[in-house]
C-alpha atoms as a PDB file:
ATOM      1  CA  MET A   1      63.021  45.539 100.785  1.00  0.00           C
ATOM      2  CA  ARG A   2      62.981  42.901  97.995  1.00  0.00           C
ATOM      3  CA  SER A   3      63.397  45.622  95.189  1.00  0.00           C
ATOM      4  CA  THR A   4      66.574  46.846  96.921  1.00  0.00           C
ATOM      5  CA  THR A   5      67.997  43.549  97.089  1.00  0.00           C
ATOM      6  CA  LEU A   6      67.374  43.010  93.325  1.00  0.00           C
ATOM      7  CA  ARG A   7      68.979  46.242  92.370  1.00  0.00           C
ATOM      8  CA  SER A   8      72.040  45.442  94.511  1.00  0.00           C
ATOM      9  CA  SER A   9      72.271  42.058  92.970  1.00  0.00           C
ATOM     10  CA  ALA A  10      71.901  43.512  89.518  1.00  0.00           C
ATOM     11  CA  LEU A  11      74.970  45.761  90.147  1.00  0.00           C
ATOM     12  CA  ALA A  12      76.992  43.101  91.746  1.00  0.00           C
ATOM     13  CA  PRO A  13      78.562  41.728  88.583  1.00  0.00           C
ATOM     14  CA  ARG A  14      79.469  44.984  87.336  1.00  0.00           C
ATOM     15  CA  ALA A  15      81.208  45.893  90.581  1.00  0.00           C
ATOM     16  CA  ILE A  16      83.023  42.566  90.881  1.00  0.00           C
ATOM     17  CA  SER A  17      84.000  42.897  87.268  1.00  0.00           C
ATOM     18  CA  SER A  18      85.492  46.325  87.856  1.00  0.00           C
ATOM     19  CA  THR A  19      87.215  45.242  91.098  1.00  0.00           C
ATOM     20  CA  LEU A  20      88.689  42.161  89.354  1.00  0.00           C
ATOM     21  CA  PHE A  21      89.995  44.272  86.560  1.00  0.00           C
ATOM     22  CA  TYR A  22      91.907  46.610  88.784  1.00  0.00           C
ATOM     23  CA  VAL A  23      93.159  43.704  91.052  1.00  0.00           C
ATOM     24  CA  LEU A  24      94.682  41.918  88.018  1.00  0.00           C
ATOM     25  CA  ALA A  25      95.954  45.175  86.502  1.00  0.00           C
ATOM     26  CA  LEU A  26      97.813  45.906  89.673  1.00  0.00           C
ATOM     27  CA  ALA A  27      99.007  42.366  90.069  1.00  0.00           C
ATOM     28  CA  ALA A  28     100.406  42.296  86.555  1.00  0.00           C
ATOM     29  CA  CYS A  29     102.410  45.415  87.296  1.00  0.00           C
ATOM     30  CA  SER A  30     103.796  44.156  90.608  1.00  0.00           C
ATOM     31  CA  ALA A  31     104.632  40.760  89.276  1.00  0.00           C
ATOM     32  CA  THR A  32     108.423  40.676  88.671  1.00  0.00           C
ATOM     33  CA  PRO A  33     109.272  38.710  85.697  1.00  0.00           C
ATOM     34  CA  PRO A  34     112.333  36.499  85.873  1.00  0.00           C
ATOM     35  CA  ALA A  35     115.511  38.527  85.618  1.00  0.00           C
ATOM     36  CA  PRO A  36     117.073  38.098  82.175  1.00  0.00           C
ATOM     37  CA  SER A  37     120.261  36.073  82.236  1.00  0.00           C
ATOM     38  CA  SER A  38     123.605  37.743  82.563  1.00  0.00           C
ATOM     39  CA  ASN A  39     124.572  36.601  79.075  1.00  0.00           C
ATOM     40  CA  SER A  40     121.433  37.795  77.306  1.00  0.00           C
ATOM     41  CA  VAL A  41     121.883  41.310  78.925  1.00  0.00           C
ATOM     42  CA  LEU A  42     125.569  41.522  78.135  1.00  0.00           C
ATOM     43  CA  ALA A  43     125.040  40.294  74.625  1.00  0.00           C
ATOM     44  CA  ALA A  44     122.269  42.999  73.990  1.00  0.00           C
ATOM     45  CA  MET A  45     123.866  45.847  76.028  1.00  0.00           C
ATOM     46  CA  PRO A  46     125.645  48.502  74.090  1.00  0.00           C
ATOM     47  CA  SER A  47     128.951  49.850  75.177  1.00  0.00           C
ATOM     48  CA  PRO A  48     129.183  52.740  77.321  1.00  0.00           C
ATOM     49  CA  ASP A  49     130.950  56.023  76.319  1.00  0.00           C
ATOM     50  CA  GLU A  50     131.917  59.526  77.492  1.00  0.00           C
ATOM     51  CA  THR A  51     128.108  60.585  77.356  1.00  0.00           C
ATOM     52  CA  HIS A  52     126.423  57.359  77.857  1.00  0.00           C
ATOM     53  CA  VAL A  53     126.010  55.173  80.829  1.00  0.00           C
ATOM     54  CA  VAL A  54     124.325  51.868  80.945  1.00  0.00           C
ATOM     55  CA  LEU A  55     122.256  50.706  83.957  1.00  0.00           C
ATOM     56  CA  VAL A  56     121.070  47.120  84.464  1.00  0.00           C
ATOM     57  CA  ALA A  57     117.786  47.091  86.666  1.00  0.00           C
ATOM     58  CA  HIS A  58     115.556  44.216  87.633  1.00  0.00           C
ATOM     59  CA  GLY A  59     111.848  44.568  88.113  1.00  0.00           C
ATOM     60  CA  MET A  60     110.630  46.239  84.820  1.00  0.00           C
ATOM     61  CA  ALA A  61     107.447  44.229  84.391  1.00  0.00           C
ATOM     62  CA  CYS A  62     105.208  46.591  82.374  1.00  0.00           C
ATOM     63  CA  PRO A  63     105.239  49.787  80.643  1.00  0.00           C
ATOM     64  CA  LYS A  64     104.366  51.768  83.747  1.00  0.00           C
ATOM     65  CA  CYS A  65     107.668  50.472  85.256  1.00  0.00           C
ATOM     66  CA  VAL A  66     109.551  51.895  82.215  1.00  0.00           C
ATOM     67  CA  THR A  67     107.669  55.245  82.628  1.00  0.00           C
ATOM     68  CA  ASN A  68     108.569  55.353  86.336  1.00  0.00           C
ATOM     69  CA  ALA A  69     112.134  54.689  85.701  1.00  0.00           C
ATOM     70  CA  ASP A  70     112.242  57.300  82.982  1.00  0.00           C
ATOM     71  CA  LEU A  71     110.518  59.979  85.040  1.00  0.00           C
ATOM     72  CA  GLN A  72     112.912  59.359  88.079  1.00  0.00           C
ATOM     73  CA  LEU A  73     115.984  59.281  86.154  1.00  0.00           C
ATOM     74  CA  MET A  74     115.101  62.650  84.255  1.00  0.00           C
ATOM     75  CA  LYS A  75     114.899  64.359  87.648  1.00  0.00           C
ATOM     76  CA  VAL A  76     118.608  63.539  88.162  1.00  0.00           C
ATOM     77  CA  GLU A  77     120.899  66.592  87.551  1.00  0.00           C
ATOM     78  CA  GLY A  78     123.185  65.839  84.574  1.00  0.00           C
ATOM     79  CA  VAL A  79     120.888  63.392  82.818  1.00  0.00           C
ATOM     80  CA  ARG A  80     119.843  64.481  79.319  1.00  0.00           C
ATOM     81  CA  ALA A  81     117.825  61.597  78.215  1.00  0.00           C
ATOM     82  CA  CYS A  82     117.344  57.794  78.687  1.00  0.00           C
ATOM     83  CA  THR A  83     116.301  54.911  76.659  1.00  0.00           C
ATOM     84  CA  ILE A  84     115.010  51.842  78.283  1.00  0.00           C
ATOM     85  CA  ASP A  85     115.127  48.167  77.133  1.00  0.00           C
ATOM     86  CA  MET A  86     112.507  46.454  79.210  1.00  0.00           C
ATOM     87  CA  LYS A  87     113.125  43.057  77.734  1.00  0.00           C
ATOM     88  CA  HIS A  88     116.769  42.864  78.665  1.00  0.00           C
ATOM     89  CA  GLY A  89     116.517  45.089  81.682  1.00  0.00           C
ATOM     90  CA  PHE A  90     119.056  47.842  80.809  1.00  0.00           C
ATOM     91  CA  ILE A  91     118.711  51.678  80.595  1.00  0.00           C
ATOM     92  CA  ILE A  92     120.924  53.883  78.434  1.00  0.00           C
ATOM     93  CA  VAL A  93     121.474  57.163  80.101  1.00  0.00           C
ATOM     94  CA  GLU A  94     122.711  60.014  78.130  1.00  0.00           C
ATOM     95  CA  VAL A  95     124.531  62.220  80.652  1.00  0.00           C
ATOM     96  CA  ASP A  96     126.254  65.631  80.592  1.00  0.00           C
ATOM     97  CA  PRO A  97     129.948  64.955  81.032  1.00  0.00           C
ATOM     98  CA  ALA A  98     130.505  68.011  83.112  1.00  0.00           C
ATOM     99  CA  ARG A  99     127.792  66.965  85.406  1.00  0.00           C
ATOM    100  CA  ARG A 100     127.868  63.249  85.666  1.00  0.00           C
ATOM    101  CA  PRO A 101     125.649  61.628  88.289  1.00  0.00           C
ATOM    102  CA  THR A 102     127.196  59.244  90.812  1.00  0.00           C
ATOM    103  CA  ARG A 103     126.379  55.595  91.241  1.00  0.00           C
ATOM    104  CA  GLU A 104     124.601  56.387  94.414  1.00  0.00           C
ATOM    105  CA  THR A 105     122.416  59.009  92.593  1.00  0.00           C
ATOM    106  CA  TYR A 106     121.475  56.393  89.891  1.00  0.00           C
ATOM    107  CA  ALA A 107     120.679  53.920  92.752  1.00  0.00           C
ATOM    108  CA  ARG A 108     118.395  56.359  94.559  1.00  0.00           C
ATOM    109  CA  ALA A 109     116.573  57.184  91.172  1.00  0.00           C
ATOM    110  CA  ILE A 110     116.052  53.459  90.288  1.00  0.00           C
ATOM    111  CA  ASP A 111     114.848  52.709  93.829  1.00  0.00           C
ATOM    112  CA  ALA A 112     112.360  55.590  93.764  1.00  0.00           C
ATOM    113  CA  ALA A 113     111.046  54.034  90.537  1.00  0.00           C
ATOM    114  CA  GLY A 114     110.412  50.705  92.303  1.00  0.00           C
ATOM    115  CA  LEU A 115     113.147  48.818  90.652  1.00  0.00           C
ATOM    116  CA  THR A 116     116.404  47.208  91.792  1.00  0.00           C
ATOM    117  CA  LEU A 117     119.769  48.565  90.290  1.00  0.00           C
ATOM    118  CA  VAL A 118     121.877  45.538  89.629  1.00  0.00           C
ATOM    119  CA  SER A 119     124.982  47.428  87.908  1.00  0.00           C
ATOM    120  CA  VAL A 120     126.264  50.484  86.421  1.00  0.00           C
ATOM    121  CA  HIS A 121     128.471  50.211  83.308  1.00  0.00           C
ATOM    122  CA  GLU A 122     130.548  53.307  82.456  1.00  0.00           C
ATOM    123  CA  SER A 123     133.347  54.143  80.118  1.00  0.00           C
ATOM    124  CA  THR A 124     136.629  53.493  81.606  1.00  0.00           C
ATOM    125  CA  THR A 125     137.674  57.014  80.452  1.00  0.00           C
ATOM    126  CA  SER A 126     134.708  58.926  81.954  1.00  0.00           C
ATOM    127  CA  GLY A 127     136.237  59.883  85.227  1.00  0.00           C
ATOM    128  CA  THR A 128     133.242  59.288  87.264  1.00  0.00           C
ATOM    129  CA  PRO A 129     133.594  59.629  91.081  1.00  0.00           C
END
């Protein structure tokens, strides 16, 4: 019985260390950084045009968040590509002008990625529904 206890205690630091690593990794991803100020986002944000829409989203705390947003947006019909600025919290979405997604579609995709859609900036000449 005593040798079993020694073996278990010899493995305990490794098990604790592995568990702690995963807990910290998950906590870092779920921690939402403070939202960038509106002024910093607006100063860094490019202007939307006929084929580009700019989304402002909160909750991008790590590269995994960026990957999730990219994966969800690329599933949306009419989205050709997206570029994400994690620091400022905006996403530049390249769209097919003939199949422009609606604001609700963007909101569903961003929500599915675990983020919060704050605003959608489109060209005033885009004719989006």
